[in-house]
Amino acid sequence: MTFAIKTEVSDLQANTFAFPVSRTAIAKRRLGTDLKLFRNWNDGRPETQLNFKFYRQATNKIIGISDEAAAFLRRFI
């Protein structure tokens, strides 16, 4: 299973972070505005899965995501 992390990163140039997950890449752009368009929870799209998991609650989190959602995110690195 692939995981994604939603948190503020104060040092974007850091190679690793304070938790035992190392960075594999830096996002080229923010996803928030793009993902907020996908609100039909039953459409099965990876964008909708990420919208639901990242933005349903505004807290920092680590989430498990599907292979399809991971492939979608890889387009941004």
C-alpha atoms as a PDB file:
ATOM      1  CA  MET A   1       0.000   0.000   0.000  1.00  0.00           C
ATOM      2  CA  THR A   2       1.158   3.530  -0.765  1.00  0.00           C
ATOM      3  CA  PHE A   3       0.846   6.361   1.727  1.00  0.00           C
ATOM      4  CA  ALA A   4       0.539  10.113   1.274  1.00  0.00           C
ATOM      5  CA  ILE A   5       1.211  12.759   3.909  1.00  0.00           C
ATOM      6  CA  LYS A   6      -0.641  16.034   4.388  1.00  0.00           C
ATOM      7  CA  THR A   7       1.316  18.434   6.573  1.00  0.00           C
ATOM      8  CA  GLU A   8       3.074  21.774   6.454  1.00  0.00           C
ATOM      9  CA  VAL A   9       6.727  21.432   5.492  1.00  0.00           C
ATOM     10  CA  SER A  10       8.818  24.345   6.717  1.00  0.00           C
ATOM     11  CA  ASP A  11      12.043  23.297   4.952  1.00  0.00           C
ATOM     12  CA  LEU A  12      11.248  22.242   1.384  1.00  0.00           C
ATOM     13  CA  GLN A  13      14.897  21.404   0.731  1.00  0.00           C
ATOM     14  CA  ALA A  14      15.143  18.825   3.559  1.00  0.00           C
ATOM     15  CA  ASN A  15      16.129  15.316   2.488  1.00  0.00           C
ATOM     16  CA  THR A  16      14.231  13.647   5.327  1.00  0.00           C
ATOM     17  CA  PHE A  17      11.648  14.643   7.898  1.00  0.00           C
ATOM     18  CA  ALA A  18      11.063  14.004  11.615  1.00  0.00           C
ATOM     19  CA  PHE A  19       8.945  10.918  10.980  1.00  0.00           C
ATOM     20  CA  PRO A  20      10.327   7.646   9.516  1.00  0.00           C
ATOM     21  CA  VAL A  21       9.023   8.428   5.928  1.00  0.00           C
ATOM     22  CA  SER A  22      11.662   9.759   3.469  1.00  0.00           C
ATOM     23  CA  ARG A  23      10.747  12.096   0.665  1.00  0.00           C
ATOM     24  CA  THR A  24      10.703  10.639  -2.829  1.00  0.00           C
ATOM     25  CA  ALA A  25       9.984  13.906  -4.659  1.00  0.00           C
ATOM     26  CA  ILE A  26       8.694  17.453  -4.311  1.00  0.00           C
ATOM     27  CA  ALA A  27       5.336  18.377  -5.823  1.00  0.00           C
ATOM     28  CA  LYS A  28       5.589  20.754  -8.770  1.00  0.00           C
ATOM     29  CA  ARG A  29       2.335  22.514  -7.871  1.00  0.00           C
ATOM     30  CA  ARG A  30      -0.416  22.534  -5.261  1.00  0.00           C
ATOM     31  CA  LEU A  31      -3.275  20.069  -5.620  1.00  0.00           C
ATOM     32  CA  GLY A  32      -5.925  21.707  -3.442  1.00  0.00           C
ATOM     33  CA  THR A  33      -7.720  23.742  -6.090  1.00  0.00           C
ATOM     34  CA  ASP A  34      -7.611  20.916  -8.634  1.00  0.00           C
ATOM     35  CA  LEU A  35      -8.897  18.276  -6.223  1.00  0.00           C
ATOM     36  CA  LYS A  36     -11.754  20.334  -4.784  1.00  0.00           C
ATOM     37  CA  LEU A  37     -13.577  19.929  -8.111  1.00  0.00           C
ATOM     38  CA  PHE A  38     -13.975  16.178  -7.485  1.00  0.00           C
ATOM     39  CA  ARG A  39     -16.825  15.862  -4.976  1.00  0.00           C
ATOM     40  CA  ASN A  40     -18.882  12.963  -6.349  1.00  0.00           C
ATOM     41  CA  TRP A  41     -17.785  10.413  -3.723  1.00  0.00           C
ATOM     42  CA  ASN A  42     -19.056   7.455  -5.751  1.00  0.00           C
ATOM     43  CA  ASP A  43     -17.347   8.124  -9.093  1.00  0.00           C
ATOM     44  CA  GLY A  44     -14.308   5.916  -8.330  1.00  0.00           C
ATOM     45  CA  ARG A  45     -11.792   8.476  -9.639  1.00  0.00           C
ATOM     46  CA  PRO A  46      -8.376   8.739  -7.919  1.00  0.00           C
ATOM     47  CA  GLU A  47      -8.813  12.517  -7.724  1.00  0.00           C
ATOM     48  CA  THR A  48     -12.026  12.047  -5.742  1.00  0.00           C
ATOM     49  CA  GLN A  49     -10.339   9.596  -3.369  1.00  0.00           C
ATOM     50  CA  LEU A  50      -7.589  12.132  -2.662  1.00  0.00           C
ATOM     51  CA  ASN A  51     -10.091  14.985  -2.236  1.00  0.00           C
ATOM     52  CA  PHE A  52     -12.052  12.913   0.272  1.00  0.00           C
ATOM     53  CA  LYS A  53      -9.026  11.787   2.278  1.00  0.00           C
ATOM     54  CA  PHE A  54      -7.104  15.074   2.267  1.00  0.00           C
ATOM     55  CA  TYR A  55      -9.854  17.675   2.558  1.00  0.00           C
ATOM     56  CA  ARG A  56     -12.749  16.060   4.421  1.00  0.00           C
ATOM     57  CA  GLN A  57     -10.914  17.063   7.588  1.00  0.00           C
ATOM     58  CA  ALA A  58      -8.381  19.869   7.641  1.00  0.00           C
ATOM     59  CA  THR A  59      -5.949  18.132   9.993  1.00  0.00           C
ATOM     60  CA  ASN A  60      -2.431  16.947   9.176  1.00  0.00           C
ATOM     61  CA  LYS A  61      -2.455  13.242   8.399  1.00  0.00           C
ATOM     62  CA  ILE A  62      -0.881  10.189   6.832  1.00  0.00           C
ATOM     63  CA  ILE A  63      -3.300   8.319   4.570  1.00  0.00           C
ATOM     64  CA  GLY A  64      -3.265   5.033   2.709  1.00  0.00           C
ATOM     65  CA  ILE A  65      -4.139   5.472  -0.969  1.00  0.00           C
ATOM     66  CA  SER A  66      -4.963   3.160  -3.865  1.00  0.00           C
ATOM     67  CA  ASP A  67      -2.533   2.353  -6.657  1.00  0.00           C
ATOM     68  CA  GLU A  68      -4.642   4.521  -8.971  1.00  0.00           C
ATOM     69  CA  ALA A  69      -4.424   7.516  -6.617  1.00  0.00           C
ATOM     70  CA  ALA A  70      -0.649   6.985  -6.249  1.00  0.00           C
ATOM     71  CA  ALA A  71      -0.278   6.950 -10.051  1.00  0.00           C
ATOM     72  CA  PHE A  72      -2.282  10.181 -10.248  1.00  0.00           C
ATOM     73  CA  LEU A  73      -0.012  11.849  -7.650  1.00  0.00           C
ATOM     74  CA  ARG A  74       3.138  10.722  -9.472  1.00  0.00           C
ATOM     75  CA  ARG A  75       2.117  12.976 -12.379  1.00  0.00           C
ATOM     76  CA  PHE A  76       2.919  15.952 -10.110  1.00  0.00           C
ATOM     77  CA  ILE A  77       6.529  15.039  -9.290  1.00  0.00           C
END
